[in-house]
Amino acid sequence: TRLISLLHNIFLNIHGFNGLPYLIPVATLVLTKESIQAS
């Protein structure tokens, strides 16, 4: 349940934009090299 909640949190925050072009205050989704190598 915790993992599902976390996934919702990440996914909604990276897609919760408003207006075009989207004006975002911070990074949307940044992956690390280590995460790609592992997953």
PDB file of all heavy atoms in Angstrom:
ATOM      1  N   THR A   1       0.826  -1.198   0.000  1.00  0.00           N
ATOM      2  CA  THR A   1       0.000   0.000   0.000  1.00  0.00           C
ATOM      3  C   THR A   1       0.862   1.251   0.000  1.00  0.00           C
ATOM      4  O   THR A   1       0.570   2.231  -0.683  1.00  0.00           O
ATOM      5  CB  THR A   1      -0.916   0.006   1.237  1.00  0.00           C
ATOM      6  OG1 THR A   1      -1.718  -1.166   1.218  1.00  0.00           O
ATOM      7  CG2 THR A   1      -1.806   1.244   1.247  1.00  0.00           C
ATOM      8  N   ARG A   2       1.969   1.223   0.745  1.00  0.00           N
ATOM      9  CA  ARG A   2       2.852   2.387   0.812  1.00  0.00           C
ATOM     10  C   ARG A   2       3.466   2.675  -0.556  1.00  0.00           C
ATOM     11  O   ARG A   2       3.570   3.823  -0.991  1.00  0.00           O
ATOM     12  CB  ARG A   2       3.962   2.160   1.839  1.00  0.00           C
ATOM     13  CG  ARG A   2       4.929   3.333   1.942  1.00  0.00           C
ATOM     14  CD  ARG A   2       6.070   3.030   2.906  1.00  0.00           C
ATOM     15  NE  ARG A   2       6.983   4.146   2.982  1.00  0.00           N
ATOM     16  CZ  ARG A   2       7.934   4.407   2.096  1.00  0.00           C
ATOM     17  NH1 ARG A   2       8.074   3.617   1.061  1.00  0.00           N
ATOM     18  NH2 ARG A   2       8.727   5.455   2.235  1.00  0.00           N
ATOM     19  N   LEU A   3       3.861   1.615  -1.277  1.00  0.00           N
ATOM     20  CA  LEU A   3       4.470   1.808  -2.581  1.00  0.00           C
ATOM     21  C   LEU A   3       3.462   2.381  -3.567  1.00  0.00           C
ATOM     22  O   LEU A   3       3.779   3.288  -4.341  1.00  0.00           O
ATOM     23  CB  LEU A   3       5.024   0.479  -3.106  1.00  0.00           C
ATOM     24  CG  LEU A   3       5.678   0.516  -4.487  1.00  0.00           C
ATOM     25  CD1 LEU A   3       6.818   1.518  -4.514  1.00  0.00           C
ATOM     26  CD2 LEU A   3       6.184  -0.857  -4.868  1.00  0.00           C
ATOM     27  N   ILE A   4       2.244   1.879  -3.531  1.00  0.00           N
ATOM     28  CA  ILE A   4       1.209   2.412  -4.422  1.00  0.00           C
ATOM     29  C   ILE A   4       0.966   3.883  -4.114  1.00  0.00           C
ATOM     30  O   ILE A   4       0.841   4.721  -5.007  1.00  0.00           O
ATOM     31  CB  ILE A   4      -0.099   1.611  -4.276  1.00  0.00           C
ATOM     32  CG1 ILE A   4       0.104   0.184  -4.791  1.00  0.00           C
ATOM     33  CG2 ILE A   4      -1.236   2.286  -5.032  1.00  0.00           C
ATOM     34  CD1 ILE A   4       0.488   0.104  -6.261  1.00  0.00           C
ATOM     35  N   SER A   5       0.908   4.230  -2.842  1.00  0.00           N
ATOM     36  CA  SER A   5       0.711   5.613  -2.450  1.00  0.00           C
ATOM     37  C   SER A   5       1.844   6.490  -2.960  1.00  0.00           C
ATOM     38  O   SER A   5       1.632   7.597  -3.444  1.00  0.00           O
ATOM     39  CB  SER A   5       0.612   5.705  -0.922  1.00  0.00           C
ATOM     40  OG  SER A   5       0.538   7.044  -0.508  1.00  0.00           O
ATOM     41  N   LEU A   6       3.065   5.977  -2.855  1.00  0.00           N
ATOM     42  CA  LEU A   6       4.224   6.727  -3.309  1.00  0.00           C
ATOM     43  C   LEU A   6       4.187   6.922  -4.818  1.00  0.00           C
ATOM     44  O   LEU A   6       4.475   8.006  -5.337  1.00  0.00           O
ATOM     45  CB  LEU A   6       5.502   5.992  -2.905  1.00  0.00           C
ATOM     46  CG  LEU A   6       6.841   6.588  -3.343  1.00  0.00           C
ATOM     47  CD1 LEU A   6       6.945   8.038  -2.908  1.00  0.00           C
ATOM     48  CD2 LEU A   6       7.978   5.774  -2.759  1.00  0.00           C
ATOM     49  N   LEU A   7       3.793   5.877  -5.543  1.00  0.00           N
ATOM     50  CA  LEU A   7       3.691   5.991  -6.992  1.00  0.00           C
ATOM     51  C   LEU A   7       2.663   7.047  -7.393  1.00  0.00           C
ATOM     52  O   LEU A   7       2.896   7.858  -8.285  1.00  0.00           O
ATOM     53  CB  LEU A   7       3.301   4.639  -7.595  1.00  0.00           C
ATOM     54  CG  LEU A   7       4.425   3.610  -7.722  1.00  0.00           C
ATOM     55  CD1 LEU A   7       3.838   2.225  -7.946  1.00  0.00           C
ATOM     56  CD2 LEU A   7       5.350   3.975  -8.854  1.00  0.00           C
ATOM     57  N   HIS A   8       1.529   7.053  -6.729  1.00  0.00           N
ATOM     58  CA  HIS A   8       0.518   8.076  -6.988  1.00  0.00           C
ATOM     59  C   HIS A   8       1.114   9.464  -6.759  1.00  0.00           C
ATOM     60  O   HIS A   8       0.933  10.380  -7.555  1.00  0.00           O
ATOM     61  CB  HIS A   8      -0.684   7.887  -6.056  1.00  0.00           C
ATOM     62  CG  HIS A   8      -1.693   6.921  -6.569  1.00  0.00           C
ATOM     63  ND1 HIS A   8      -2.687   7.279  -7.443  1.00  0.00           N
ATOM     64  CD2 HIS A   8      -1.856   5.600  -6.349  1.00  0.00           C
ATOM     65  CE1 HIS A   8      -3.437   6.233  -7.725  1.00  0.00           C
ATOM     66  NE2 HIS A   8      -2.947   5.188  -7.075  1.00  0.00           N
ATOM     67  N   ASN A   9       1.829   9.603  -5.638  1.00  0.00           N
ATOM     68  CA  ASN A   9       2.401  10.885  -5.263  1.00  0.00           C
ATOM     69  C   ASN A   9       3.351  11.388  -6.340  1.00  0.00           C
ATOM     70  O   ASN A   9       3.253  12.529  -6.803  1.00  0.00           O
ATOM     71  CB  ASN A   9       3.153  10.724  -3.934  1.00  0.00           C
ATOM     72  CG  ASN A   9       3.514  12.045  -3.302  1.00  0.00           C
ATOM     73  OD1 ASN A   9       3.450  13.079  -3.938  1.00  0.00           O
ATOM     74  ND2 ASN A   9       3.910  12.000  -2.049  1.00  0.00           N
ATOM     75  N   ILE A  10       4.258  10.539  -6.768  1.00  0.00           N
ATOM     76  CA  ILE A  10       5.221  10.938  -7.794  1.00  0.00           C
ATOM     77  C   ILE A  10       4.511  11.244  -9.106  1.00  0.00           C
ATOM     78  O   ILE A  10       4.705  12.294  -9.720  1.00  0.00           O
ATOM     79  CB  ILE A  10       6.269   9.827  -8.018  1.00  0.00           C
ATOM     80  CG1 ILE A  10       7.094   9.612  -6.751  1.00  0.00           C
ATOM     81  CG2 ILE A  10       7.183  10.180  -9.186  1.00  0.00           C
ATOM     82  CD1 ILE A  10       8.025   8.415  -6.825  1.00  0.00           C
ATOM     83  N   PHE A  11       3.652  10.305  -9.528  1.00  0.00           N
ATOM     84  CA  PHE A  11       3.055  10.455 -10.852  1.00  0.00           C
ATOM     85  C   PHE A  11       2.163  11.688 -10.942  1.00  0.00           C
ATOM     86  O   PHE A  11       2.206  12.433 -11.920  1.00  0.00           O
ATOM     87  CB  PHE A  11       2.269   9.207 -11.217  1.00  0.00           C
ATOM     88  CG  PHE A  11       1.888   9.174 -12.670  1.00  0.00           C
ATOM     89  CD1 PHE A  11       2.833   8.850 -13.628  1.00  0.00           C
ATOM     90  CD2 PHE A  11       0.615   9.502 -13.065  1.00  0.00           C
ATOM     91  CE1 PHE A  11       2.494   8.847 -14.971  1.00  0.00           C
ATOM     92  CE2 PHE A  11       0.272   9.496 -14.401  1.00  0.00           C
ATOM     93  CZ  PHE A  11       1.226   9.163 -15.356  1.00  0.00           C
ATOM     94  N   LEU A  12       1.361  11.917  -9.912  1.00  0.00           N
ATOM     95  CA  LEU A  12       0.474  13.078  -9.957  1.00  0.00           C
ATOM     96  C   LEU A  12       1.250  14.381  -9.894  1.00  0.00           C
ATOM     97  O   LEU A  12       0.900  15.362 -10.532  1.00  0.00           O
ATOM     98  CB  LEU A  12      -0.540  13.008  -8.812  1.00  0.00           C
ATOM     99  CG  LEU A  12      -1.641  11.961  -8.992  1.00  0.00           C
ATOM    100  CD1 LEU A  12      -2.536  11.937  -7.766  1.00  0.00           C
ATOM    101  CD2 LEU A  12      -2.466  12.248 -10.227  1.00  0.00           C
ATOM    102  N   ASN A  13       2.337  14.394  -9.117  1.00  0.00           N
ATOM    103  CA  ASN A  13       3.110  15.625  -9.018  1.00  0.00           C
ATOM    104  C   ASN A  13       3.843  15.957 -10.313  1.00  0.00           C
ATOM    105  O   ASN A  13       4.008  17.123 -10.650  1.00  0.00           O
ATOM    106  CB  ASN A  13       4.101  15.531  -7.857  1.00  0.00           C
ATOM    107  CG  ASN A  13       3.471  15.925  -6.541  1.00  0.00           C
ATOM    108  OD1 ASN A  13       3.028  17.056  -6.396  1.00  0.00           O
ATOM    109  ND2 ASN A  13       3.400  15.011  -5.597  1.00  0.00           N
ATOM    110  N   ILE A  14       4.279  14.944 -11.068  1.00  0.00           N
ATOM    111  CA  ILE A  14       4.978  15.259 -12.304  1.00  0.00           C
ATOM    112  C   ILE A  14       4.009  15.564 -13.434  1.00  0.00           C
ATOM    113  O   ILE A  14       4.408  16.097 -14.462  1.00  0.00           O
ATOM    114  CB  ILE A  14       5.940  14.125 -12.736  1.00  0.00           C
ATOM    115  CG1 ILE A  14       5.192  12.841 -13.067  1.00  0.00           C
ATOM    116  CG2 ILE A  14       6.986  13.878 -11.676  1.00  0.00           C
ATOM    117  CD1 ILE A  14       6.082  11.728 -13.588  1.00  0.00           C
ATOM    118  N   HIS A  15       2.723  15.267 -13.237  1.00  0.00           N
ATOM    119  CA  HIS A  15       1.749  15.567 -14.284  1.00  0.00           C
ATOM    120  C   HIS A  15       0.688  16.575 -13.843  1.00  0.00           C
ATOM    121  O   HIS A  15      -0.275  16.779 -14.554  1.00  0.00           O
ATOM    122  CB  HIS A  15       1.068  14.276 -14.739  1.00  0.00           C
ATOM    123  CG  HIS A  15       1.905  13.450 -15.646  1.00  0.00           C
ATOM    124  ND1 HIS A  15       2.169  13.797 -16.943  1.00  0.00           N
ATOM    125  CD2 HIS A  15       2.603  12.305 -15.432  1.00  0.00           C
ATOM    126  CE1 HIS A  15       2.955  12.894 -17.504  1.00  0.00           C
ATOM    127  NE2 HIS A  15       3.235  11.978 -16.600  1.00  0.00           N
ATOM    128  N   GLY A  16       0.854  17.211 -12.714  1.00  0.00           N
ATOM    129  CA  GLY A  16      -0.173  18.126 -12.248  1.00  0.00           C
ATOM    130  C   GLY A  16       0.001  19.534 -12.747  1.00  0.00           C
ATOM    131  O   GLY A  16       0.065  20.478 -11.974  1.00  0.00           O
ATOM    132  N   PHE A  17       0.109  19.705 -14.054  1.00  0.00           N
ATOM    133  CA  PHE A  17       0.397  21.019 -14.624  1.00  0.00           C
ATOM    134  C   PHE A  17      -0.902  21.794 -14.865  1.00  0.00           C
ATOM    135  O   PHE A  17      -1.977  21.247 -14.879  1.00  0.00           O
ATOM    136  CB  PHE A  17       1.151  20.882 -15.937  1.00  0.00           C
ATOM    137  CG  PHE A  17       2.363  20.009 -15.851  1.00  0.00           C
ATOM    138  CD1 PHE A  17       2.561  19.014 -16.780  1.00  0.00           C
ATOM    139  CD2 PHE A  17       3.286  20.178 -14.842  1.00  0.00           C
ATOM    140  CE1 PHE A  17       3.672  18.200 -16.718  1.00  0.00           C
ATOM    141  CE2 PHE A  17       4.394  19.378 -14.766  1.00  0.00           C
ATOM    142  CZ  PHE A  17       4.597  18.380 -15.708  1.00  0.00           C
ATOM    143  N   ASN A  18      -0.736  23.079 -15.131  1.00  0.00           N
ATOM    144  CA  ASN A  18      -1.909  23.915 -15.383  1.00  0.00           C
ATOM    145  C   ASN A  18      -1.571  24.948 -16.448  1.00  0.00           C
ATOM    146  O   ASN A  18      -0.752  25.823 -16.220  1.00  0.00           O
ATOM    147  CB  ASN A  18      -2.347  24.613 -14.093  1.00  0.00           C
ATOM    148  CG  ASN A  18      -3.620  25.412 -14.304  1.00  0.00           C
ATOM    149  OD1 ASN A  18      -4.444  25.064 -15.145  1.00  0.00           O
ATOM    150  ND2 ASN A  18      -3.771  26.484 -13.563  1.00  0.00           N
ATOM    151  N   GLY A  19      -2.180  24.860 -17.618  1.00  0.00           N
ATOM    152  CA  GLY A  19      -1.943  25.833 -18.672  1.00  0.00           C
ATOM    153  C   GLY A  19      -0.886  25.382 -19.663  1.00  0.00           C
ATOM    154  O   GLY A  19      -0.099  24.488 -19.401  1.00  0.00           O
ATOM    155  N   LEU A  20      -0.881  25.996 -20.844  1.00  0.00           N
ATOM    156  CA  LEU A  20       0.105  25.699 -21.882  1.00  0.00           C
ATOM    157  C   LEU A  20       0.795  26.987 -22.312  1.00  0.00           C
ATOM    158  O   LEU A  20       0.127  27.973 -22.564  1.00  0.00           O
ATOM    159  CB  LEU A  20      -0.581  25.058 -23.090  1.00  0.00           C
ATOM    160  CG  LEU A  20      -1.045  23.620 -22.909  1.00  0.00           C
ATOM    161  CD1 LEU A  20      -1.913  23.214 -24.107  1.00  0.00           C
ATOM    162  CD2 LEU A  20       0.148  22.693 -22.811  1.00  0.00           C
ATOM    163  N   PRO A  21       2.140  27.037 -22.472  1.00  0.00           N
ATOM    164  CA  PRO A  21       3.004  25.939 -22.045  1.00  0.00           C
ATOM    165  C   PRO A  21       2.991  25.798 -20.539  1.00  0.00           C
ATOM    166  O   PRO A  21       2.741  26.758 -19.822  1.00  0.00           O
ATOM    167  CB  PRO A  21       4.388  26.365 -22.553  1.00  0.00           C
ATOM    168  CG  PRO A  21       4.340  27.838 -22.588  1.00  0.00           C
ATOM    169  CD  PRO A  21       2.920  28.185 -22.946  1.00  0.00           C
ATOM    170  N   TYR A  22       3.248  24.607 -20.050  1.00  0.00           N
ATOM    171  CA  TYR A  22       3.229  24.360 -18.619  1.00  0.00           C
ATOM    172  C   TYR A  22       4.335  25.155 -17.940  1.00  0.00           C
ATOM    173  O   TYR A  22       5.489  25.104 -18.349  1.00  0.00           O
ATOM    174  CB  TYR A  22       3.439  22.870 -18.330  1.00  0.00           C
ATOM    175  CG  TYR A  22       2.409  21.975 -18.940  1.00  0.00           C
ATOM    176  CD1 TYR A  22       2.788  20.817 -19.602  1.00  0.00           C
ATOM    177  CD2 TYR A  22       1.061  22.265 -18.856  1.00  0.00           C
ATOM    178  CE1 TYR A  22       1.843  19.970 -20.161  1.00  0.00           C
ATOM    179  CE2 TYR A  22       0.116  21.429 -19.405  1.00  0.00           C
ATOM    180  CZ  TYR A  22       0.506  20.285 -20.057  1.00  0.00           C
ATOM    181  OH  TYR A  22      -0.427  19.456 -20.609  1.00  0.00           O
ATOM    182  N   LEU A  23       3.988  25.883 -16.900  1.00  0.00           N
ATOM    183  CA  LEU A  23       4.969  26.629 -16.112  1.00  0.00           C
ATOM    184  C   LEU A  23       5.211  25.845 -14.835  1.00  0.00           C
ATOM    185  O   LEU A  23       4.359  25.798 -13.956  1.00  0.00           O
ATOM    186  CB  LEU A  23       4.460  28.032 -15.796  1.00  0.00           C
ATOM    187  CG  LEU A  23       4.270  28.942 -17.008  1.00  0.00           C
ATOM    188  CD1 LEU A  23       3.594  30.247 -16.593  1.00  0.00           C
ATOM    189  CD2 LEU A  23       5.608  29.240 -17.665  1.00  0.00           C
ATOM    190  N   ILE A  24       6.344  25.204 -14.734  1.00  0.00           N
ATOM    191  CA  ILE A  24       6.618  24.342 -13.587  1.00  0.00           C
ATOM    192  C   ILE A  24       7.631  25.002 -12.678  1.00  0.00           C
ATOM    193  O   ILE A  24       8.614  25.574 -13.129  1.00  0.00           O
ATOM    194  CB  ILE A  24       7.103  22.945 -14.035  1.00  0.00           C
ATOM    195  CG1 ILE A  24       8.361  23.054 -14.899  1.00  0.00           C
ATOM    196  CG2 ILE A  24       6.003  22.226 -14.791  1.00  0.00           C
ATOM    197  CD1 ILE A  24       8.974  21.725 -15.230  1.00  0.00           C
ATOM    198  N   PRO A  25       7.422  24.958 -11.368  1.00  0.00           N
ATOM    199  CA  PRO A  25       8.364  25.603 -10.455  1.00  0.00           C
ATOM    200  C   PRO A  25       9.630  24.802 -10.253  1.00  0.00           C
ATOM    201  O   PRO A  25      10.665  25.348  -9.909  1.00  0.00           O
ATOM    202  CB  PRO A  25       7.564  25.698  -9.149  1.00  0.00           C
ATOM    203  CG  PRO A  25       6.593  24.563  -9.224  1.00  0.00           C
ATOM    204  CD  PRO A  25       6.252  24.409 -10.668  1.00  0.00           C
ATOM    205  N   VAL A  26       9.570  23.494 -10.435  1.00  0.00           N
ATOM    206  CA  VAL A  26      10.720  22.634 -10.152  1.00  0.00           C
ATOM    207  C   VAL A  26      10.781  21.529 -11.193  1.00  0.00           C
ATOM    208  O   VAL A  26      10.023  21.501 -12.149  1.00  0.00           O
ATOM    209  CB  VAL A  26      10.620  22.018  -8.742  1.00  0.00           C
ATOM    210  CG1 VAL A  26      10.854  23.059  -7.683  1.00  0.00           C
ATOM    211  CG2 VAL A  26       9.269  21.354  -8.538  1.00  0.00           C
ATOM    212  N   ALA A  27      11.696  20.597 -10.973  1.00  0.00           N
ATOM    213  CA  ALA A  27      11.873  19.508 -11.942  1.00  0.00           C
ATOM    214  C   ALA A  27      10.634  18.634 -12.020  1.00  0.00           C
ATOM    215  O   ALA A  27       9.946  18.429 -11.034  1.00  0.00           O
ATOM    216  CB  ALA A  27      13.075  18.675 -11.535  1.00  0.00           C
ATOM    217  N   THR A  28      10.358  18.105 -13.196  1.00  0.00           N
ATOM    218  CA  THR A  28       9.254  17.169 -13.348  1.00  0.00           C
ATOM    219  C   THR A  28       9.725  15.772 -12.962  1.00  0.00           C
ATOM    220  O   THR A  28       9.498  15.314 -11.857  1.00  0.00           O
ATOM    221  CB  THR A  28       8.721  17.205 -14.786  1.00  0.00           C
ATOM    222  OG1 THR A  28       9.828  17.215 -15.699  1.00  0.00           O
ATOM    223  CG2 THR A  28       7.894  18.444 -15.006  1.00  0.00           C
ATOM    224  N   LEU A  29      10.419  15.089 -13.846  1.00  0.00           N
ATOM    225  CA  LEU A  29      10.890  13.742 -13.525  1.00  0.00           C
ATOM    226  C   LEU A  29      12.349  13.604 -13.946  1.00  0.00           C
ATOM    227  O   LEU A  29      12.667  13.666 -15.130  1.00  0.00           O
ATOM    228  CB  LEU A  29      10.045  12.683 -14.237  1.00  0.00           C
ATOM    229  CG  LEU A  29      10.394  11.223 -13.930  1.00  0.00           C
ATOM    230  CD1 LEU A  29      10.247  10.916 -12.444  1.00  0.00           C
ATOM    231  CD2 LEU A  29       9.530  10.280 -14.750  1.00  0.00           C
ATOM    232  N   VAL A  30      13.226  13.422 -12.961  1.00  0.00           N
ATOM    233  CA  VAL A  30      14.655  13.228 -13.200  1.00  0.00           C
ATOM    234  C   VAL A  30      15.021  11.828 -12.721  1.00  0.00           C
ATOM    235  O   VAL A  30      14.729  11.459 -11.582  1.00  0.00           O
ATOM    236  CB  VAL A  30      15.506  14.277 -12.450  1.00  0.00           C
ATOM    237  CG1 VAL A  30      16.994  14.032 -12.686  1.00  0.00           C
ATOM    238  CG2 VAL A  30      15.114  15.696 -12.875  1.00  0.00           C
ATOM    239  N   LEU A  31      15.641  11.057 -13.598  1.00  0.00           N
ATOM    240  CA  LEU A  31      16.117   9.727 -13.254  1.00  0.00           C
ATOM    241  C   LEU A  31      17.632   9.758 -13.114  1.00  0.00           C
ATOM    242  O   LEU A  31      18.306  10.520 -13.792  1.00  0.00           O
ATOM    243  CB  LEU A  31      15.726   8.719 -14.335  1.00  0.00           C
ATOM    244  CG  LEU A  31      14.239   8.624 -14.682  1.00  0.00           C
ATOM    245  CD1 LEU A  31      14.029   7.656 -15.838  1.00  0.00           C
ATOM    246  CD2 LEU A  31      13.420   8.211 -13.474  1.00  0.00           C
ATOM    247  N   THR A  32      18.156   8.920 -12.247  1.00  0.00           N
ATOM    248  CA  THR A  32      19.600   8.835 -12.103  1.00  0.00           C
ATOM    249  C   THR A  32      20.144   7.719 -12.987  1.00  0.00           C
ATOM    250  O   THR A  32      19.433   6.775 -13.335  1.00  0.00           O
ATOM    251  CB  THR A  32      20.003   8.557 -10.648  1.00  0.00           C
ATOM    252  OG1 THR A  32      19.521   7.253 -10.277  1.00  0.00           O
ATOM    253  CG2 THR A  32      19.410   9.601  -9.711  1.00  0.00           C
ATOM    254  N   LYS A  33      21.409   7.849 -13.338  1.00  0.00           N
ATOM    255  CA  LYS A  33      22.068   6.797 -14.118  1.00  0.00           C
ATOM    256  C   LYS A  33      21.979   5.465 -13.380  1.00  0.00           C
ATOM    257  O   LYS A  33      21.723   4.414 -13.992  1.00  0.00           O
ATOM    258  CB  LYS A  33      23.528   7.184 -14.352  1.00  0.00           C
ATOM    259  CG  LYS A  33      24.349   6.144 -15.075  1.00  0.00           C
ATOM    260  CD  LYS A  33      25.796   6.610 -15.220  1.00  0.00           C
ATOM    261  CE  LYS A  33      26.674   5.557 -15.862  1.00  0.00           C
ATOM    262  NZ  LYS A  33      28.083   6.010 -15.979  1.00  0.00           N
ATOM    263  N   GLU A  34      22.148   5.497 -12.062  1.00  0.00           N
ATOM    264  CA  GLU A  34      22.096   4.268 -11.272  1.00  0.00           C
ATOM    265  C   GLU A  34      20.734   3.592 -11.381  1.00  0.00           C
ATOM    266  O   GLU A  34      20.635   2.363 -11.431  1.00  0.00           O
ATOM    267  CB  GLU A  34      22.425   4.554  -9.807  1.00  0.00           C
ATOM    268  CG  GLU A  34      22.440   3.304  -8.947  1.00  0.00           C
ATOM    269  CD  GLU A  34      22.726   3.582  -7.478  1.00  0.00           C
ATOM    270  OE1 GLU A  34      22.866   4.763  -7.112  1.00  0.00           O
ATOM    271  OE2 GLU A  34      22.799   2.612  -6.702  1.00  0.00           O
ATOM    272  N   SER A  35      19.670   4.395 -11.413  1.00  0.00           N
ATOM    273  CA  SER A  35      18.332   3.802 -11.490  1.00  0.00           C
ATOM    274  C   SER A  35      18.114   3.087 -12.815  1.00  0.00           C
ATOM    275  O   SER A  35      17.478   2.038 -12.864  1.00  0.00           O
ATOM    276  CB  SER A  35      17.260   4.886 -11.293  1.00  0.00           C
ATOM    277  OG  SER A  35      17.151   5.723 -12.436  1.00  0.00           O
ATOM    278  N   ILE A  36      18.646   3.636 -13.890  1.00  0.00           N
ATOM    279  CA  ILE A  36      18.515   2.993 -15.201  1.00  0.00           C
ATOM    280  C   ILE A  36      19.348   1.720 -15.250  1.00  0.00           C
ATOM    281  O   ILE A  36      18.910   0.677 -15.760  1.00  0.00           O
ATOM    282  CB  ILE A  36      18.942   3.967 -16.311  1.00  0.00           C
ATOM    283  CG1 ILE A  36      18.020   5.202 -16.335  1.00  0.00           C
ATOM    284  CG2 ILE A  36      18.938   3.272 -17.668  1.00  0.00           C
ATOM    285  CD1 ILE A  36      16.567   4.900 -16.596  1.00  0.00           C
ATOM    286  N   GLN A  37      20.547   1.782 -14.697  1.00  0.00           N
ATOM    287  CA  GLN A  37      21.405   0.595 -14.690  1.00  0.00           C
ATOM    288  C   GLN A  37      20.793  -0.528 -13.858  1.00  0.00           C
ATOM    289  O   GLN A  37      20.945  -1.704 -14.188  1.00  0.00           O
ATOM    290  CB  GLN A  37      22.786   0.966 -14.162  1.00  0.00           C
ATOM    291  CG  GLN A  37      23.576   1.867 -15.112  1.00  0.00           C
ATOM    292  CD  GLN A  37      24.887   2.339 -14.528  1.00  0.00           C
ATOM    293  OE1 GLN A  37      25.032   2.470 -13.311  1.00  0.00           O
ATOM    294  NE2 GLN A  37      25.857   2.614 -15.389  1.00  0.00           N
ATOM    295  N   ALA A  38      20.085  -0.153 -12.796  1.00  0.00           N
ATOM    296  CA  ALA A  38      19.498  -1.172 -11.917  1.00  0.00           C
ATOM    297  C   ALA A  38      18.162  -1.696 -12.425  1.00  0.00           C
ATOM    298  O   ALA A  38      17.814  -2.851 -12.180  1.00  0.00           O
ATOM    299  CB  ALA A  38      19.318  -0.590 -10.512  1.00  0.00           C
ATOM    300  N   SER A  39      17.404  -0.856 -13.127  1.00  0.00           N
ATOM    301  CA  SER A  39      16.013  -1.199 -13.431  1.00  0.00           C
ATOM    302  C   SER A  39      15.686  -1.278 -14.908  1.00  0.00           C
ATOM    303  O   SER A  39      14.594  -1.705 -15.276  1.00  0.00           O
ATOM    304  CB  SER A  39      15.078  -0.168 -12.773  1.00  0.00           C
ATOM    305  OG  SER A  39      15.383  -0.024 -11.402  1.00  0.00           O
TER     306      SER A  39
END
